[in-house]
Each structure stands twice: as structure tokens, then as C-alpha cells.
Amino acid sequence: MPRKSRIKGRAIYEQKLLGSDGAQGFVETLRFWSVKSNEYVAAIQKHAEAHSIEMTLEEHPSEPGEIYVVAEIEGS
């Protein structure tokens, strides 16, 4: 998890193609910092579950009151 002060953009998006030509599918990942709110966390967790998105929420002592969200989905 990068420190919030080191991030220059609002979100980090990454797409990896699986196999030499992407024929085995792909993995898409979205990472971003957010204010920690119980309502927001519940909403994004509900969305992730409904759409088979693997999501992790990380907290860091240097960023109190905020969470680092990593959402990942695999496709073919």
C-alpha cells in the first residue's frame, strides 16, 4: 500500500492479460484511498459481493480515518 502522500492520481487501474495473447482471460484491479465510513464500506462490500469482485480494505496508522481499497475481478 503506497502512502497517500505519494499518490499523484485519484485511482490506480491495472489490467493484466493472462497467457501470452490474453486468451486465458484477464485480471482487472482498482486501488484507491477513501474516507473510512461505515455506510460507504457497507455499500462497496455489497456491490463487490453482487458482482463477484474480490475486495480488501486496508488501514494504515499514518492515515487515520481513511482506508485503502483494492478491488479485483477476473474475466475471460
C-alpha atoms as a PDB file:
ATOM      1  CA  MET A   1       0.000   0.000   0.000  1.00  0.00           C
ATOM      2  CA  PRO A   2       1.577   3.296  -1.008  1.00  0.00           C
ATOM      3  CA  ARG A   3       1.400   6.207   1.399  1.00  0.00           C
ATOM      4  CA  LYS A   4      -1.411   8.556   0.458  1.00  0.00           C
ATOM      5  CA  SER A   5       1.011  11.480   0.146  1.00  0.00           C
ATOM      6  CA  ARG A   6       2.946   9.619  -2.578  1.00  0.00           C
ATOM      7  CA  ILE A   7      -0.073   9.053  -4.850  1.00  0.00           C
ATOM      8  CA  LYS A   8      -0.423  11.577  -7.654  1.00  0.00           C
ATOM      9  CA  GLY A   9      -3.761  10.364  -9.076  1.00  0.00           C
ATOM     10  CA  ARG A  10      -7.144   9.598  -7.594  1.00  0.00           C
ATOM     11  CA  ALA A  11      -7.250   5.897  -8.552  1.00  0.00           C
ATOM     12  CA  ILE A  12      -4.851   3.288  -9.846  1.00  0.00           C
ATOM     13  CA  TYR A  13      -6.227   0.942 -12.524  1.00  0.00           C
ATOM     14  CA  GLU A  14      -4.352  -2.098 -13.787  1.00  0.00           C
ATOM     15  CA  GLN A  15      -5.275  -4.779 -16.318  1.00  0.00           C
ATOM     16  CA  LYS A  16      -3.252  -7.960 -16.744  1.00  0.00           C
ATOM     17  CA  LEU A  17      -3.840 -10.272 -19.682  1.00  0.00           C
ATOM     18  CA  LEU A  18      -3.405 -13.942 -18.852  1.00  0.00           C
ATOM     19  CA  GLY A  19      -1.426 -16.113 -21.237  1.00  0.00           C
ATOM     20  CA  SER A  20       0.835 -14.906 -23.998  1.00  0.00           C
ATOM     21  CA  ASP A  21      -2.045 -13.432 -26.011  1.00  0.00           C
ATOM     22  CA  GLY A  22      -4.643 -12.853 -23.293  1.00  0.00           C
ATOM     23  CA  ALA A  23      -6.605 -15.903 -24.405  1.00  0.00           C
ATOM     24  CA  GLN A  24      -6.721 -17.254 -20.831  1.00  0.00           C
ATOM     25  CA  GLY A  25      -8.557 -14.170 -19.607  1.00  0.00           C
ATOM     26  CA  PHE A  26      -7.672 -11.067 -17.640  1.00  0.00           C
ATOM     27  CA  VAL A  27      -7.444  -9.608 -14.152  1.00  0.00           C
ATOM     28  CA  GLU A  28      -8.522  -6.014 -13.528  1.00  0.00           C
ATOM     29  CA  THR A  29      -7.517  -4.225 -10.336  1.00  0.00           C
ATOM     30  CA  LEU A  30      -8.598  -0.852  -8.967  1.00  0.00           C
ATOM     31  CA  ARG A  31      -6.848   0.743  -5.960  1.00  0.00           C
ATOM     32  CA  PHE A  32      -7.722   3.978  -4.182  1.00  0.00           C
ATOM     33  CA  TRP A  33      -7.799   5.767  -0.823  1.00  0.00           C
ATOM     34  CA  SER A  34     -11.151   6.664   0.713  1.00  0.00           C
ATOM     35  CA  VAL A  35     -12.526   8.203   3.867  1.00  0.00           C
ATOM     36  CA  LYS A  36     -13.486   5.415   6.261  1.00  0.00           C
ATOM     37  CA  SER A  37     -17.257   5.472   6.621  1.00  0.00           C
ATOM     38  CA  ASN A  38     -19.330   2.519   7.809  1.00  0.00           C
ATOM     39  CA  GLU A  39     -22.078   3.343   5.296  1.00  0.00           C
ATOM     40  CA  TYR A  40     -19.636   3.605   2.386  1.00  0.00           C
ATOM     41  CA  VAL A  41     -17.812   0.411   3.336  1.00  0.00           C
ATOM     42  CA  ALA A  42     -21.121  -1.477   3.579  1.00  0.00           C
ATOM     43  CA  ALA A  43     -22.203  -0.173   0.168  1.00  0.00           C
ATOM     44  CA  ILE A  44     -18.993  -1.099  -1.658  1.00  0.00           C
ATOM     45  CA  GLN A  45     -18.856  -4.511   0.022  1.00  0.00           C
ATOM     46  CA  LYS A  46     -22.444  -5.183  -1.092  1.00  0.00           C
ATOM     47  CA  HIS A  47     -21.555  -4.121  -4.650  1.00  0.00           C
ATOM     48  CA  ALA A  48     -18.427  -6.300  -4.634  1.00  0.00           C
ATOM     49  CA  GLU A  49     -20.375  -9.356  -3.476  1.00  0.00           C
ATOM     50  CA  ALA A  50     -23.108  -8.818  -6.080  1.00  0.00           C
ATOM     51  CA  HIS A  51     -20.543  -8.630  -8.898  1.00  0.00           C
ATOM     52  CA  SER A  52     -18.014 -11.276  -7.762  1.00  0.00           C
ATOM     53  CA  ILE A  53     -15.361  -8.662  -7.076  1.00  0.00           C
ATOM     54  CA  GLU A  54     -12.631  -9.574  -4.606  1.00  0.00           C
ATOM     55  CA  MET A  55     -12.103  -6.606  -2.348  1.00  0.00           C
ATOM     56  CA  THR A  56      -9.740  -5.846   0.504  1.00  0.00           C
ATOM     57  CA  LEU A  57      -9.754  -2.840   2.790  1.00  0.00           C
ATOM     58  CA  GLU A  58      -6.516  -1.829   4.469  1.00  0.00           C
ATOM     59  CA  GLU A  59      -5.868   0.684   7.215  1.00  0.00           C
ATOM     60  CA  HIS A  60      -2.536   2.282   7.982  1.00  0.00           C
ATOM     61  CA  PRO A  61      -1.584   4.131  11.197  1.00  0.00           C
ATOM     62  CA  SER A  62      -0.180   7.051   9.181  1.00  0.00           C
ATOM     63  CA  GLU A  63      -3.607   7.687   7.591  1.00  0.00           C
ATOM     64  CA  PRO A  64      -6.156   7.699  10.447  1.00  0.00           C
ATOM     65  CA  GLY A  65      -9.796   7.745   9.393  1.00  0.00           C
ATOM     66  CA  GLU A  66      -9.005   6.508   5.881  1.00  0.00           C
ATOM     67  CA  ILE A  67      -8.900   3.147   4.123  1.00  0.00           C
ATOM     68  CA  TYR A  68      -7.024   1.842   1.110  1.00  0.00           C
ATOM     69  CA  VAL A  69      -9.373  -0.133  -1.147  1.00  0.00           C
ATOM     70  CA  VAL A  70      -8.166  -2.842  -3.519  1.00  0.00           C
ATOM     71  CA  ALA A  71     -10.825  -4.319  -5.803  1.00  0.00           C
ATOM     72  CA  GLU A  72     -10.003  -7.136  -8.233  1.00  0.00           C
ATOM     73  CA  ILE A  73     -12.025  -9.102 -10.756  1.00  0.00           C
ATOM     74  CA  GLU A  74     -11.074 -11.909 -13.131  1.00  0.00           C
ATOM     75  CA  GLY A  75     -12.678 -12.413 -16.511  1.00  0.00           C
ATOM     76  CA  SER A  76     -12.372 -14.402 -19.679  1.00  0.00           C
END
